[in-house]
C-alpha atoms as a PDB file:
ATOM      1  CA  MET A   1       6.221  23.571 -20.049  1.00  0.00           C
ATOM      2  CA  ALA A   2       8.768  24.187 -22.806  1.00  0.00           C
ATOM      3  CA  ASP A   3       9.804  20.379 -22.707  1.00  0.00           C
ATOM      4  CA  ASN A   4       6.306  19.243 -23.210  1.00  0.00           C
ATOM      5  CA  ASP A   5       5.523  21.318 -26.432  1.00  0.00           C
ATOM      6  CA  ASN A   6       6.474  18.587 -28.824  1.00  0.00           C
ATOM      7  CA  LYS A   7       4.700  15.915 -27.153  1.00  0.00           C
ATOM      8  CA  ASP A   8       1.261  14.954 -28.198  1.00  0.00           C
ATOM      9  CA  LEU A   9      -1.946  14.669 -25.694  1.00  0.00           C
ATOM     10  CA  GLY A  10      -1.677  10.820 -25.348  1.00  0.00           C
ATOM     11  CA  THR A  11       2.036  10.907 -24.473  1.00  0.00           C
ATOM     12  CA  GLN A  12       1.242  13.919 -22.012  1.00  0.00           C
ATOM     13  CA  GLY A  13      -1.428  12.387 -20.409  1.00  0.00           C
ATOM     14  CA  LYS A  14       0.354   9.059 -19.876  1.00  0.00           C
ATOM     15  CA  GLU A  15       3.069  11.017 -18.303  1.00  0.00           C
ATOM     16  CA  ASP A  16       0.563  12.938 -16.422  1.00  0.00           C
ATOM     17  CA  SER A  17      -1.339   9.855 -14.972  1.00  0.00           C
ATOM     18  CA  LEU A  18       1.784   8.295 -13.951  1.00  0.00           C
ATOM     19  CA  LYS A  19       3.094  11.479 -11.985  1.00  0.00           C
ATOM     20  CA  GLY A  20      -0.493  11.649 -10.471  1.00  0.00           C
ATOM     21  CA  LYS A  21      -0.174   8.025  -9.275  1.00  0.00           C
ATOM     22  CA  ALA A  22       3.515   8.673  -7.770  1.00  0.00           C
ATOM     23  CA  ASN A  23       2.011  11.787  -6.122  1.00  0.00           C
ATOM     24  CA  GLN A  24      -0.653   9.705  -4.310  1.00  0.00           C
ATOM     25  CA  VAL A  25       1.600   6.961  -3.105  1.00  0.00           C
ATOM     26  CA  ALA A  26       4.005  10.003  -2.026  1.00  0.00           C
ATOM     27  CA  GLY A  27       1.118  11.797  -0.182  1.00  0.00           C
ATOM     28  CA  LYS A  28      -0.100   8.271   1.422  1.00  0.00           C
ATOM     29  CA  VAL A  29       3.657   7.893   2.954  1.00  0.00           C
ATOM     30  CA  GLN A  30       4.017  11.541   4.186  1.00  0.00           C
ATOM     31  CA  GLU A  31       0.077  11.232   5.663  1.00  0.00           C
ATOM     32  CA  LYS A  32       1.322   7.732   7.460  1.00  0.00           C
ATOM     33  CA  ALA A  33       4.446   9.564   8.478  1.00  0.00           C
ATOM     34  CA  GLY A  34       2.507  12.434  10.054  1.00  0.00           C
ATOM     35  CA  GLN A  35       0.053   9.728  11.626  1.00  0.00           C
ATOM     36  CA  VAL A  36       3.093   7.670  13.461  1.00  0.00           C
ATOM     37  CA  THR A  37       4.767  11.002  14.539  1.00  0.00           C
ATOM     38  CA  GLY A  38       2.041  12.779  15.503  1.00  0.00           C
ATOM     39  CA  ASN A  39       2.607  15.659  13.302  1.00  0.00           C
ATOM     40  CA  THR A  40      -0.924  16.683  12.064  1.00  0.00           C
ATOM     41  CA  GLU A  41       0.563  19.401   9.603  1.00  0.00           C
ATOM     42  CA  THR A  42       2.661  16.443   7.826  1.00  0.00           C
ATOM     43  CA  GLU A  43      -0.586  14.319   7.619  1.00  0.00           C
ATOM     44  CA  ALA A  44      -2.569  17.182   6.263  1.00  0.00           C
ATOM     45  CA  LYS A  45       0.160  18.029   3.821  1.00  0.00           C
ATOM     46  CA  GLY A  46      -0.083  14.318   2.740  1.00  0.00           C
ATOM     47  CA  LYS A  47      -3.657  14.288   2.151  1.00  0.00           C
ATOM     48  CA  ALA A  48      -3.533  17.403   0.266  1.00  0.00           C
ATOM     49  CA  ARG A  49      -0.848  15.777  -2.114  1.00  0.00           C
ATOM     50  CA  GLN A  50      -2.779  12.744  -2.266  1.00  0.00           C
ATOM     51  CA  ALA A  51      -5.847  14.779  -3.681  1.00  0.00           C
ATOM     52  CA  GLY A  52      -3.553  16.883  -6.118  1.00  0.00           C
ATOM     53  CA  GLY A  53      -2.155  13.637  -7.299  1.00  0.00           C
ATOM     54  CA  LYS A  54      -5.697  12.339  -8.116  1.00  0.00           C
ATOM     55  CA  VAL A  55      -6.548  15.371  -9.969  1.00  0.00           C
ATOM     56  CA  GLN A  56      -3.402  15.288 -12.017  1.00  0.00           C
ATOM     57  CA  GLU A  57      -3.921  11.535 -12.784  1.00  0.00           C
ATOM     58  CA  GLY A  58      -7.635  12.243 -13.988  1.00  0.00           C
ATOM     59  CA  ALA A  59      -6.363  15.035 -15.993  1.00  0.00           C
ATOM     60  CA  GLY A  60      -4.015  12.828 -17.416  1.00  0.00           C
ATOM     61  CA  HIS A  61      -7.022  10.738 -18.574  1.00  0.00           C
ATOM     62  CA  VAL A  62      -8.908  13.487 -20.226  1.00  0.00           C
ATOM     63  CA  GLU A  63      -5.571  14.448 -22.370  1.00  0.00           C
ATOM     64  CA  GLN A  64      -5.188  10.736 -23.635  1.00  0.00           C
ATOM     65  CA  LYS A  65      -9.135  10.505 -24.335  1.00  0.00           C
ATOM     66  CA  ALA A  66      -8.968  13.994 -26.237  1.00  0.00           C
ATOM     67  CA  ASP A  67      -5.694  12.511 -28.110  1.00  0.00           C
ATOM     68  CA  ASN A  68      -7.981   9.347 -29.047  1.00  0.00           C
ATOM     69  CA  VAL A  69     -10.772  11.330 -30.301  1.00  0.00           C
ATOM     70  CA  LEU A  70      -8.797  13.580 -32.460  1.00  0.00           C
ATOM     71  CA  LYS A  71      -6.685  10.600 -34.043  1.00  0.00           C
ATOM     72  CA  ASP A  72     -10.379   9.049 -34.569  1.00  0.00           C
ATOM     73  CA  ASN A  73     -11.470  12.126 -36.542  1.00  0.00           C
ATOM     74  CA  ASN A  74      -7.909  12.412 -38.395  1.00  0.00           C
ATOM     75  CA  VAL A  75      -7.570  15.880 -36.767  1.00  0.00           C
END
């Protein structure tokens, strides 16, 4: 987290949103790979990665909104 200390919430939020999207895509690929190979563990890990990506993306949107509110109120 040390590399994020000097980023504002908006910048960090954008990065988290993009990372969340990337995790969703990677999770979908992992899930499909599990389905094709019949590996239910890989499939489940892919679904979990997608869910984590959705949470990360949502948190990024919240950070961006908070940054906008703070900027609008000159805080």
